[in-house]
Amino acid sequence: MSAGGPSAVGPGTPHPLLGIALIVGASAFFALLDAVIKILAERYSPVMLGWTRYFFHLAVMLLVFGRSRGMGLIRTRRPLAQIGRGAALALSALSFFTAVSLLPQAEATAILSIAPMLVTAGAVWFLNERAPRGTAWALGLSFAGVLLILRPGSGMDSWGALLSVVAAFCSAGYALLTRAVAGTDDSLTTLFLGGVVAMGCLTLVVPFFWQWPLGWGDLLLMVGTGTFGALGHLLLVRAYTVASASTLAPFSYAHAACSLVTGLIFFGAFPDALSLAGMALIVATGVVMALRRKNAT
């Protein structure tokens, strides 16, 4: 499950093609993470899977950056905003992991993909940003795409559908708070603290859902969730340091395309024509709005 990235290109010469390759690679890792979660959700609670995902995510980050960054990984000038980010991240992960256990992976991910449109709308209210022309239409078309996926007779689980939408709203809140702290806290600190708070929130309830891994295979898959998530986010952070956010925004929808591939490979599932049309509508609307924002800058 992906989240909003940094909002500006870092120092040095921009490398847009490298940035695009990195964000597509991040999307592939996120799709693999979602697929592994779906496999494990047949045997374990989403609460436990969320906790293990962030536990191993933090372990990977400490191995990579613990020595060089030290206490800098947790030093923040916006503690309340970081706590809010982490709580939104925990709710988004819990909602989406439950949804992906109930819905086909591609459909759940496509519904989650309305989050960037919600961010655009929310930024007007909470960050005093100007909305690009056509935002209201784009938001309406995105929800029309969701309705195509969840139409009567589609066979989609109603709870899974609802939780996918909840995950999209929580993910949008997470992204808005990420924008709010982007100018004050280091991106790696923000990434690390999000995992710390999310794991802390889930720690409060995970004892009620705890189950030891049933074998080494399941344990390795749990390690994989944290590893795929950490690698995806690290590639995402790197992408935004070598290319501008406006350049990368249209490619953030690669997650939906990657989920089509992993859903087919791991579960033999492929959406029907109307569901594909709904996915295409969500992604196309988001890409068009991203290109409009890019041209406006």
Protein backbone atom coordinates (compact mmCIF):
# COMPACT_ATOMS: atom_id res chain seq x y z
CA MET A 1 0.00 0.00 0.00
CA SER A 2 1.47 3.24 -1.10
CA ALA A 3 1.32 6.70 0.37
CA GLY A 4 2.04 10.26 -0.55
CA GLY A 5 5.65 11.14 -1.25
CA PRO A 6 7.66 14.28 -0.67
CA SER A 7 6.42 17.31 -2.51
CA ALA A 8 9.55 18.74 -4.05
CA VAL A 9 12.60 17.68 -5.94
CA GLY A 10 15.81 17.51 -3.95
CA PRO A 11 19.09 19.25 -4.67
CA GLY A 12 21.16 18.48 -7.73
CA THR A 13 20.39 17.91 -11.37
CA PRO A 14 16.90 16.47 -12.01
CA HIS A 15 16.78 13.00 -13.57
CA PRO A 16 13.14 12.52 -14.63
CA LEU A 17 13.61 9.12 -16.30
CA LEU A 18 15.38 7.75 -13.23
CA GLY A 19 12.63 9.16 -11.02
CA ILE A 20 9.95 7.50 -13.15
CA ALA A 21 11.80 4.17 -13.04
CA LEU A 22 12.10 4.44 -9.26
CA ILE A 23 8.42 5.20 -8.72
CA VAL A 24 7.40 2.29 -10.98
CA GLY A 25 9.77 0.05 -9.00
CA ALA A 26 8.20 1.29 -5.76
CA SER A 27 4.76 0.47 -7.16
CA ALA A 28 5.91 -3.07 -7.95
CA PHE A 29 7.10 -3.55 -4.36
CA PHE A 30 3.79 -2.22 -3.00
CA ALA A 31 1.85 -4.61 -5.25
CA LEU A 32 3.98 -7.51 -4.00
CA LEU A 33 3.32 -6.39 -0.42
CA ASP A 34 -0.44 -6.39 -1.06
CA ALA A 35 -0.27 -9.85 -2.66
CA VAL A 36 1.63 -11.30 0.30
CA ILE A 37 -0.88 -9.73 2.71
CA LYS A 38 -3.73 -11.33 0.77
CA ILE A 39 -2.00 -14.73 0.99
CA LEU A 40 -1.39 -14.40 4.74
CA ALA A 41 -4.88 -13.01 5.44
CA GLU A 42 -6.27 -16.50 4.88
CA ARG A 43 -4.62 -17.53 8.17
CA TYR A 44 -3.94 -14.37 10.20
CA SER A 45 -5.81 -11.29 11.39
CA PRO A 46 -5.26 -8.03 9.46
CA VAL A 47 -4.35 -6.42 12.81
CA MET A 48 -1.47 -8.84 13.28
CA LEU A 49 -0.39 -8.47 9.65
CA GLY A 50 -0.38 -4.69 9.98
CA TRP A 51 1.75 -4.92 13.12
CA THR A 52 4.28 -7.33 11.58
CA ARG A 53 4.40 -5.26 8.40
CA TYR A 54 5.53 -2.15 10.33
CA PHE A 55 7.74 -4.09 12.74
CA PHE A 56 9.85 -5.47 9.90
CA HIS A 57 9.61 -2.17 8.00
CA LEU A 58 11.24 -0.42 10.96
CA ALA A 59 13.80 -3.22 11.31
CA VAL A 60 14.90 -2.72 7.69
CA MET A 61 15.16 1.05 8.16
CA LEU A 62 17.22 0.65 11.34
CA LEU A 63 19.58 -1.74 9.58
CA VAL A 64 20.06 0.68 6.69
CA PHE A 65 20.02 4.06 8.46
CA GLY A 66 20.33 3.40 12.20
CA ARG A 67 24.09 3.90 12.43
CA SER A 68 24.34 6.91 10.11
CA ARG A 69 21.21 8.76 11.27
CA GLY A 70 21.04 7.76 14.93
CA MET A 71 18.56 9.85 16.92
CA GLY A 72 17.98 11.97 13.83
CA LEU A 73 15.51 9.34 12.68
CA ILE A 74 13.08 10.38 15.42
CA ARG A 75 13.87 14.11 15.74
CA THR A 76 10.82 16.11 14.66
CA ARG A 77 9.61 19.69 14.93
CA ARG A 78 5.98 18.66 14.31
CA PRO A 79 5.28 15.86 16.83
CA LEU A 80 1.48 16.18 16.80
CA ALA A 81 1.32 16.15 13.01
CA GLN A 82 3.62 13.11 12.94
CA ILE A 83 1.40 11.31 15.44
CA GLY A 84 -1.63 12.14 13.31
CA ARG A 85 0.18 10.84 10.21
CA GLY A 86 1.05 7.58 11.90
CA ALA A 87 -2.48 7.08 13.20
CA ALA A 88 -3.91 7.70 9.72
CA LEU A 89 -1.36 5.26 8.30
CA ALA A 90 -2.38 2.57 10.81
CA LEU A 91 -6.08 3.04 10.00
CA SER A 92 -5.40 3.02 6.27
CA ALA A 93 -3.31 -0.15 6.49
CA LEU A 94 -5.81 -1.94 8.71
CA SER A 95 -8.72 -0.99 6.44
CA PHE A 96 -6.91 -1.89 3.24
CA PHE A 97 -5.45 -5.17 4.52
CA THR A 98 -8.95 -6.23 5.57
CA ALA A 99 -10.36 -5.10 2.21
CA VAL A 100 -7.73 -6.96 0.19
CA SER A 101 -8.59 -10.13 2.12
CA LEU A 102 -12.22 -9.76 0.98
CA LEU A 103 -11.83 -8.37 -2.55
CA PRO A 104 -9.66 -9.22 -5.56
CA GLN A 105 -6.35 -7.36 -5.24
CA ALA A 106 -6.70 -5.32 -8.43
CA GLU A 107 -10.17 -4.04 -7.56
CA ALA A 108 -9.20 -3.13 -3.98
CA THR A 109 -6.13 -1.25 -5.23
CA ALA A 110 -8.13 0.58 -7.90
CA ILE A 111 -10.57 1.87 -5.27
CA LEU A 112 -7.63 2.96 -3.11
CA SER A 113 -6.39 4.93 -6.14
CA ILE A 114 -9.04 7.60 -5.59
CA ALA A 115 -6.90 8.82 -2.67
CA PRO A 116 -4.86 11.33 -4.77
CA MET A 117 -8.09 12.96 -5.94
CA LEU A 118 -9.23 13.19 -2.32
CA VAL A 119 -5.88 14.79 -1.49
CA THR A 120 -6.41 17.41 -4.21
CA ALA A 121 -9.85 18.22 -2.81
CA GLY A 122 -8.67 18.14 0.80
CA ALA A 123 -5.71 20.41 0.11
CA VAL A 124 -8.15 23.19 -0.79
CA TRP A 125 -9.79 22.99 2.63
CA PHE A 126 -6.87 22.12 4.90
CA LEU A 127 -3.76 23.52 3.19
CA ASN A 128 -5.32 26.53 1.45
CA GLU A 129 -4.13 25.31 -1.94
CA ARG A 130 -5.87 26.29 -5.15
CA ALA A 131 -7.76 23.47 -6.82
CA PRO A 132 -6.96 22.86 -10.50
CA ARG A 133 -9.82 23.43 -12.92
CA GLY A 134 -12.08 20.43 -13.21
CA THR A 135 -11.33 19.02 -9.75
CA ALA A 136 -15.01 18.53 -8.90
CA TRP A 137 -15.63 16.74 -12.21
CA ALA A 138 -12.55 14.59 -11.70
CA LEU A 139 -13.65 13.60 -8.21
CA GLY A 140 -17.09 12.71 -9.55
CA LEU A 141 -15.63 10.61 -12.36
CA SER A 142 -13.36 8.80 -9.90
CA PHE A 143 -16.34 7.82 -7.77
CA ALA A 144 -18.18 6.79 -10.94
CA GLY A 145 -15.27 4.42 -11.58
CA VAL A 146 -15.67 3.02 -8.07
CA LEU A 147 -19.38 2.46 -8.71
CA LEU A 148 -18.57 0.58 -11.92
CA ILE A 149 -16.30 -1.75 -9.96
CA LEU A 150 -18.86 -2.21 -7.18
CA ARG A 151 -21.99 -2.29 -9.36
CA PRO A 152 -24.86 -4.63 -8.38
CA GLY A 153 -24.16 -8.10 -9.65
CA SER A 154 -20.38 -7.66 -9.55
CA GLY A 155 -20.15 -10.10 -6.64
CA MET A 156 -17.91 -7.75 -4.65
CA ASP A 157 -18.02 -8.11 -0.87
CA SER A 158 -19.83 -5.06 0.55
CA TRP A 159 -17.59 -4.83 3.63
CA GLY A 160 -14.49 -5.09 1.48
CA ALA A 161 -15.81 -2.32 -0.76
CA LEU A 162 -16.58 -0.06 2.20
CA LEU A 163 -13.18 -0.67 3.79
CA SER A 164 -11.40 0.12 0.51
CA VAL A 165 -13.11 3.52 0.47
CA VAL A 166 -12.26 4.05 4.15
CA ALA A 167 -8.63 3.18 3.35
CA ALA A 168 -8.63 5.76 0.53
CA PHE A 169 -9.87 8.51 2.87
CA CYS A 170 -7.33 7.55 5.56
CA SER A 171 -4.56 7.45 2.96
CA ALA A 172 -5.58 10.92 1.79
CA GLY A 173 -5.42 12.20 5.37
CA TYR A 174 -1.98 10.64 5.73
CA ALA A 175 -0.81 12.33 2.52
CA LEU A 176 -2.18 15.73 3.58
CA LEU A 177 -0.36 15.52 6.91
CA THR A 178 2.78 14.43 5.04
CA ARG A 179 2.56 17.63 3.00
CA ALA A 180 2.09 19.62 6.19
CA VAL A 181 5.38 18.35 7.69
CA ALA A 182 7.36 18.23 4.41
CA GLY A 183 8.92 21.66 4.92
CA THR A 184 10.03 21.05 8.50
CA ASP A 185 11.06 17.40 8.91
CA ASP A 186 13.51 15.26 6.94
CA SER A 187 11.83 12.78 4.59
CA LEU A 188 13.52 9.75 6.19
CA THR A 189 12.50 10.95 9.65
CA THR A 190 8.94 11.31 8.41
CA LEU A 191 9.03 7.82 6.89
CA PHE A 192 10.46 6.26 10.06
CA LEU A 193 8.13 8.04 12.47
CA GLY A 194 5.10 7.04 10.42
CA GLY A 195 6.04 3.41 10.93
CA VAL A 196 6.78 3.93 14.64
CA VAL A 197 3.40 5.52 15.35
CA ALA A 198 1.50 3.06 13.16
CA MET A 199 3.11 0.11 14.92
CA GLY A 200 2.49 1.77 18.28
CA CYS A 201 -1.23 2.15 17.52
CA LEU A 202 -1.52 -1.47 16.40
CA THR A 203 0.47 -2.66 19.44
CA LEU A 204 -2.46 -1.55 21.61
CA VAL A 205 -4.75 -4.15 20.03
CA VAL A 206 -2.48 -6.81 18.53
CA PRO A 207 -2.37 -8.92 21.77
CA PHE A 208 -6.07 -9.71 21.20
CA PHE A 209 -5.30 -11.03 17.70
CA TRP A 210 -1.84 -12.51 18.16
CA GLN A 211 -1.00 -15.82 16.56
CA TRP A 212 2.49 -17.24 16.20
CA PRO A 213 3.52 -17.98 12.59
CA LEU A 214 2.45 -21.48 11.57
CA GLY A 215 5.81 -22.22 9.97
CA TRP A 216 9.03 -20.77 8.60
CA GLY A 217 7.33 -20.08 5.28
CA ASP A 218 4.76 -17.80 6.89
CA LEU A 219 7.45 -16.08 8.95
CA LEU A 220 9.44 -15.35 5.79
CA LEU A 221 6.32 -13.94 4.15
CA MET A 222 5.79 -11.68 7.17
CA VAL A 223 9.38 -10.48 6.90
CA GLY A 224 8.65 -9.93 3.22
CA THR A 225 5.77 -7.55 3.98
CA GLY A 226 8.05 -5.25 5.93
CA THR A 227 10.88 -5.60 3.44
CA PHE A 228 8.71 -4.90 0.39
CA GLY A 229 7.07 -1.97 2.16
CA ALA A 230 10.37 -0.46 3.28
CA LEU A 231 12.00 -0.91 -0.13
CA GLY A 232 8.97 0.60 -1.84
CA HIS A 233 9.00 3.66 0.39
CA LEU A 234 12.77 4.09 0.10
CA LEU A 235 12.51 4.00 -3.70
CA LEU A 236 9.66 6.50 -3.46
CA VAL A 237 11.73 8.88 -1.33
CA ARG A 238 14.64 8.52 -3.75
CA ALA A 239 12.35 9.16 -6.73
CA TYR A 240 11.25 12.49 -5.27
CA THR A 241 14.86 13.54 -4.72
CA VAL A 242 15.81 13.09 -8.39
CA ALA A 243 12.62 14.27 -10.12
CA SER A 244 9.87 16.78 -9.41
CA ALA A 245 6.54 15.79 -7.89
CA SER A 246 4.72 17.13 -10.96
CA THR A 247 6.77 14.85 -13.22
CA LEU A 248 6.17 11.78 -11.07
CA ALA A 249 2.49 12.30 -10.19
CA PRO A 250 1.02 10.64 -13.33
CA PHE A 251 3.16 7.55 -12.69
CA SER A 252 1.95 7.09 -9.10
CA TYR A 253 -0.95 5.12 -10.62
CA ALA A 254 1.48 2.38 -11.67
CA HIS A 255 0.46 0.65 -8.41
CA ALA A 256 -2.91 -0.20 -9.97
CA ALA A 257 -1.27 -1.68 -13.07
CA CYS A 258 1.20 -3.69 -10.99
CA SER A 259 -1.69 -5.04 -8.91
CA LEU A 260 -3.34 -6.35 -12.07
CA VAL A 261 -0.17 -8.33 -12.78
CA THR A 262 0.34 -9.69 -9.25
CA GLY A 263 -3.36 -10.53 -8.94
CA LEU A 264 -3.17 -12.57 -12.13
CA ILE A 265 0.14 -14.28 -11.23
CA PHE A 266 -0.60 -15.18 -7.60
CA PHE A 267 -4.38 -15.63 -7.60
CA GLY A 268 -5.34 -16.22 -11.23
CA ALA A 269 -7.77 -13.29 -10.92
CA PHE A 270 -8.45 -10.75 -13.65
CA PRO A 271 -11.23 -8.12 -13.61
CA ASP A 272 -14.19 -8.34 -15.96
CA ALA A 273 -14.80 -5.72 -18.66
CA LEU A 274 -16.91 -3.34 -16.55
CA SER A 275 -14.50 -3.50 -13.61
CA LEU A 276 -11.62 -2.79 -15.99
CA ALA A 277 -13.57 0.18 -17.34
CA GLY A 278 -14.02 1.48 -13.79
CA MET A 279 -10.31 1.07 -13.05
CA ALA A 280 -9.41 2.81 -16.30
CA LEU A 281 -11.74 5.70 -15.45
CA ILE A 282 -10.17 6.17 -12.00
CA VAL A 283 -6.60 5.99 -13.31
CA ALA A 284 -7.22 8.10 -16.44
CA THR A 285 -8.94 10.82 -14.40
CA GLY A 286 -6.08 10.90 -11.92
CA VAL A 287 -3.43 11.02 -14.64
CA VAL A 288 -5.22 13.84 -16.49
CA MET A 289 -5.48 15.89 -13.30
CA ALA A 290 -1.81 15.22 -12.50
CA LEU A 291 -0.82 16.43 -15.98
CA ARG A 292 -2.97 19.54 -15.52
CA ARG A 293 -1.22 20.34 -12.26
CA LYS A 294 2.15 19.79 -13.95
CA ASN A 295 1.28 22.15 -16.81
CA ALA A 296 0.06 24.74 -14.33
CA THR A 297 3.41 24.84 -12.52
